[in-house]
């Protein structure tokens, strides 16, 4: 999160529009953080999109005249997205996909690893670690939950580098907070 994935997707799709290509954009219904019918970057760049509950709906809703197909938050669309993206690419569509490659535990976040293996080109965007300022590849969950998917933004997640990342919700922060509270009470 916070690495500019959606912003880069929007940039590429706008360039395709400038080139007068027909563009169609999809996002999962699950991601309604900023808008129900737009992909939105954390910097508030927006682009109208079709909302789908699963990858197969992309095929159902696709205007087959579209030359470029964009998909945001692909990690929420499940393993069927691999077959859908392959079918679109085999049909001559340019498919541009944005999504997290690892989950809050630092594990590969399906279907992104398989999509990466099939892609013609890959751009990996990195955020800035909120702890030390180094390049960050991890998404640190700040709230307790064992659910794989907890939709949220700032306040629920932050970017972390490999050194500062703690798989799951960080335990150290909770300990430091409790210790600071006891120290204030003693003062």
Protein backbone atom coordinates (compact mmCIF):
# COMPACT_ATOMS: atom_id res chain seq x y z
CA UNK A 1 0.00 0.00 0.00
CA UNK A 2 0.95 3.64 -0.48
CA UNK A 3 3.42 2.83 -3.26
CA UNK A 4 1.50 4.47 -6.11
CA UNK A 5 0.08 1.34 -7.76
CA UNK A 6 -3.35 2.86 -8.48
CA UNK A 7 -1.75 6.15 -9.48
CA UNK A 8 0.49 4.34 -11.99
CA UNK A 9 -2.48 2.36 -13.31
CA UNK A 10 -4.46 5.58 -13.83
CA UNK A 11 -1.45 7.20 -15.53
CA UNK A 12 -1.07 4.33 -17.99
CA UNK A 13 -4.78 4.17 -18.74
CA UNK A 14 -4.91 7.94 -19.36
CA UNK A 15 -1.98 7.63 -21.76
CA UNK A 16 -3.89 4.91 -23.64
CA UNK A 17 -6.88 7.27 -23.86
CA UNK A 18 -4.66 10.05 -25.18
CA UNK A 19 -3.52 7.56 -27.84
CA UNK A 20 -7.25 7.18 -28.70
CA UNK A 21 -7.47 3.61 -27.57
CA UNK A 22 -10.69 2.28 -26.14
CA UNK A 23 -10.14 1.73 -22.42
CA UNK A 24 -12.28 -0.14 -19.92
CA UNK A 25 -11.47 -0.21 -16.21
CA UNK A 26 -12.57 -2.64 -13.48
CA UNK A 27 -12.32 -2.69 -9.71
CA UNK A 28 -13.59 -5.12 -7.06
CA UNK A 29 -16.82 -4.20 -5.24
CA UNK A 30 -14.99 -4.99 -2.01
CA UNK A 31 -12.85 -1.86 -2.41
CA UNK A 32 -15.24 0.98 -1.63
CA UNK A 33 -12.83 3.03 0.50
CA UNK A 34 -12.88 6.24 -1.53
CA UNK A 35 -15.54 5.68 -4.19
CA UNK A 36 -17.99 3.01 -5.18
CA UNK A 37 -17.50 3.48 -8.95
CA UNK A 38 -14.01 4.89 -9.43
CA UNK A 39 -10.49 3.71 -8.88
CA UNK A 40 -8.90 6.27 -6.59
CA UNK A 41 -5.27 6.72 -5.63
CA UNK A 42 -4.25 7.80 -2.14
CA UNK A 43 -3.32 11.11 -3.82
CA UNK A 44 -6.99 11.38 -4.90
CA UNK A 45 -6.45 10.76 -8.61
CA UNK A 46 -9.66 9.22 -9.95
CA UNK A 47 -10.89 7.26 -12.92
CA UNK A 48 -14.36 5.90 -13.54
CA UNK A 49 -14.52 2.11 -13.37
CA UNK A 50 -16.86 -0.83 -13.61
CA UNK A 51 -17.44 -2.57 -10.29
CA UNK A 52 -17.25 -6.38 -10.25
CA UNK A 53 -17.70 -8.96 -7.52
CA UNK A 54 -15.44 -11.49 -9.22
CA UNK A 55 -13.06 -11.90 -12.15
CA UNK A 56 -15.65 -13.63 -14.35
CA UNK A 57 -17.78 -10.47 -14.29
CA UNK A 58 -15.00 -8.71 -16.20
CA UNK A 59 -15.74 -10.96 -19.18
CA UNK A 60 -19.50 -10.49 -18.75
CA UNK A 61 -19.24 -6.69 -18.68
CA UNK A 62 -16.43 -6.23 -21.15
CA UNK A 63 -17.05 -4.12 -24.22
CA UNK A 64 -15.18 -6.29 -26.71
CA UNK A 65 -14.25 -3.16 -28.67
CA UNK A 66 -12.02 -2.18 -25.72
CA UNK A 67 -8.35 -2.32 -26.61
CA UNK A 68 -6.96 -1.73 -23.13
CA UNK A 69 -8.37 -3.32 -19.98
CA UNK A 70 -7.32 -2.02 -16.55
CA UNK A 71 -7.88 -3.83 -13.26
CA UNK A 72 -7.21 -2.25 -9.87
CA UNK A 73 -6.84 -4.08 -6.53
CA UNK A 74 -6.45 -7.38 -8.39
CA UNK A 75 -5.52 -9.13 -5.16
CA UNK A 76 -9.22 -8.93 -4.18
CA UNK A 77 -10.48 -10.73 -7.31
CA UNK A 78 -9.20 -14.24 -6.66
CA UNK A 79 -7.49 -16.93 -8.72
CA UNK A 80 -9.95 -16.78 -11.64
CA UNK A 81 -8.37 -13.48 -12.63
CA UNK A 82 -5.39 -15.38 -14.06
CA UNK A 83 -7.56 -17.18 -16.65
CA UNK A 84 -9.57 -14.02 -17.37
CA UNK A 85 -6.43 -11.91 -17.92
CA UNK A 86 -4.94 -14.62 -20.15
CA UNK A 87 -8.13 -14.81 -22.20
CA UNK A 88 -8.14 -11.03 -22.66
CA UNK A 89 -4.45 -10.96 -23.63
CA UNK A 90 -4.95 -13.88 -26.05
CA UNK A 91 -7.80 -11.86 -27.63
CA UNK A 92 -5.33 -9.04 -28.35
CA UNK A 93 -6.23 -6.76 -25.43
CA UNK A 94 -3.57 -4.87 -23.51
CA UNK A 95 -4.21 -5.84 -19.89
CA UNK A 96 -2.85 -3.60 -17.15
CA UNK A 97 -3.26 -4.91 -13.60
CA UNK A 98 -2.44 -3.32 -10.24
CA UNK A 99 -2.44 -5.13 -6.91
CA UNK A 100 -0.50 -6.12 -3.82
CA UNK A 101 1.96 -8.95 -4.32
CA UNK A 102 2.15 -9.87 -0.61
CA UNK A 103 -0.41 -9.96 2.18
CA UNK A 104 -0.20 -8.55 5.71
CA UNK A 105 1.89 -11.55 6.78
CA UNK A 106 4.41 -11.00 3.97
CA UNK A 107 3.20 -14.08 2.06
CA UNK A 108 2.51 -14.11 -1.71
CA UNK A 109 -0.99 -12.67 -2.24
CA UNK A 110 -2.85 -14.68 -4.88
CA UNK A 111 -3.47 -14.22 -7.74
CA UNK A 112 -0.66 -11.67 -8.16
CA UNK A 113 2.32 -14.11 -8.15
CA UNK A 114 0.81 -16.16 -10.97
CA UNK A 115 -0.07 -13.01 -12.91
CA UNK A 116 3.53 -11.83 -12.50
CA UNK A 117 4.78 -15.11 -13.97
CA UNK A 118 2.56 -14.68 -17.04
CA UNK A 119 3.07 -10.93 -17.59
CA UNK A 120 5.04 -9.51 -20.51
CA UNK A 121 6.27 -6.65 -18.35
CA UNK A 122 6.22 -5.80 -14.66
CA UNK A 123 6.60 -2.53 -12.78
CA UNK A 124 7.05 -2.91 -9.04
CA UNK A 125 6.35 0.26 -7.14
CA UNK A 126 7.73 0.74 -3.65
CA UNK A 127 6.48 2.96 -0.86
CA UNK A 128 8.54 4.70 1.82
CA UNK A 129 8.89 2.94 5.18
CA UNK A 130 6.93 4.83 7.82
CA UNK A 131 9.49 3.82 10.46
CA UNK A 132 12.90 4.48 8.88
CA UNK A 133 12.36 6.07 5.47
CA UNK A 134 13.89 3.25 3.42
CA UNK A 135 12.12 1.79 0.36
CA UNK A 136 9.16 -0.27 1.62
CA UNK A 137 7.81 -3.42 -0.01
CA UNK A 138 5.56 -4.58 2.82
CA UNK A 139 2.09 -3.61 3.99
CA UNK A 140 2.03 -3.49 7.78
CA UNK A 141 -1.41 -4.12 9.26
CA UNK A 142 -1.92 -1.97 12.36
CA UNK A 143 -5.21 -3.51 13.57
CA UNK A 144 -5.81 -6.98 15.02
CA UNK A 145 -7.57 -9.38 12.66
CA UNK A 146 -6.89 -12.88 11.41
CA UNK A 147 -8.89 -12.20 8.22
CA UNK A 148 -6.78 -12.22 5.06
CA UNK A 149 -8.61 -9.20 3.68
CA UNK A 150 -9.38 -6.17 5.81
CA UNK A 151 -10.12 -3.22 3.54
CA UNK A 152 -8.66 -0.01 4.86
CA UNK A 153 -6.13 2.75 4.30
CA UNK A 154 -4.15 5.12 6.52
CA UNK A 155 -4.59 4.28 10.18
CA UNK A 156 -5.15 0.59 9.42
CA UNK A 157 -2.03 -0.04 7.35
CA UNK A 158 1.33 1.54 6.74
CA UNK A 159 4.29 0.87 4.48
CA UNK A 160 7.30 -0.89 5.99
CA UNK A 161 10.70 -1.99 4.71
CA UNK A 162 11.94 -5.55 5.19
CA UNK A 163 13.78 -4.64 8.42
CA UNK A 164 10.85 -2.80 10.08
CA UNK A 165 8.08 -5.17 8.92
CA UNK A 166 6.40 -7.38 11.54
CA UNK A 167 4.17 -10.08 9.99
CA UNK A 168 0.58 -9.61 11.19
CA UNK A 169 -0.37 -6.78 13.53
CA UNK A 170 2.72 -5.46 15.29
CA UNK A 171 2.98 -6.61 18.88
CA UNK A 172 5.85 -4.29 19.82
CA UNK A 173 3.76 -1.13 19.29
CA UNK A 174 1.08 -2.44 21.63
CA UNK A 175 3.76 -3.20 24.23
CA UNK A 176 5.38 0.24 23.84
CA UNK A 177 1.97 1.93 24.13
CA UNK A 178 1.12 0.00 27.33
CA UNK A 179 4.54 0.75 28.81
CA UNK A 180 4.20 4.47 27.96
CA UNK A 181 0.76 4.52 29.62
CA UNK A 182 2.14 2.95 32.81
CA UNK A 183 5.03 5.43 32.80
CA UNK A 184 2.64 8.41 32.50
CA UNK A 185 0.49 7.03 35.33
CA UNK A 186 3.59 6.71 37.55
CA UNK A 187 4.64 10.30 36.83
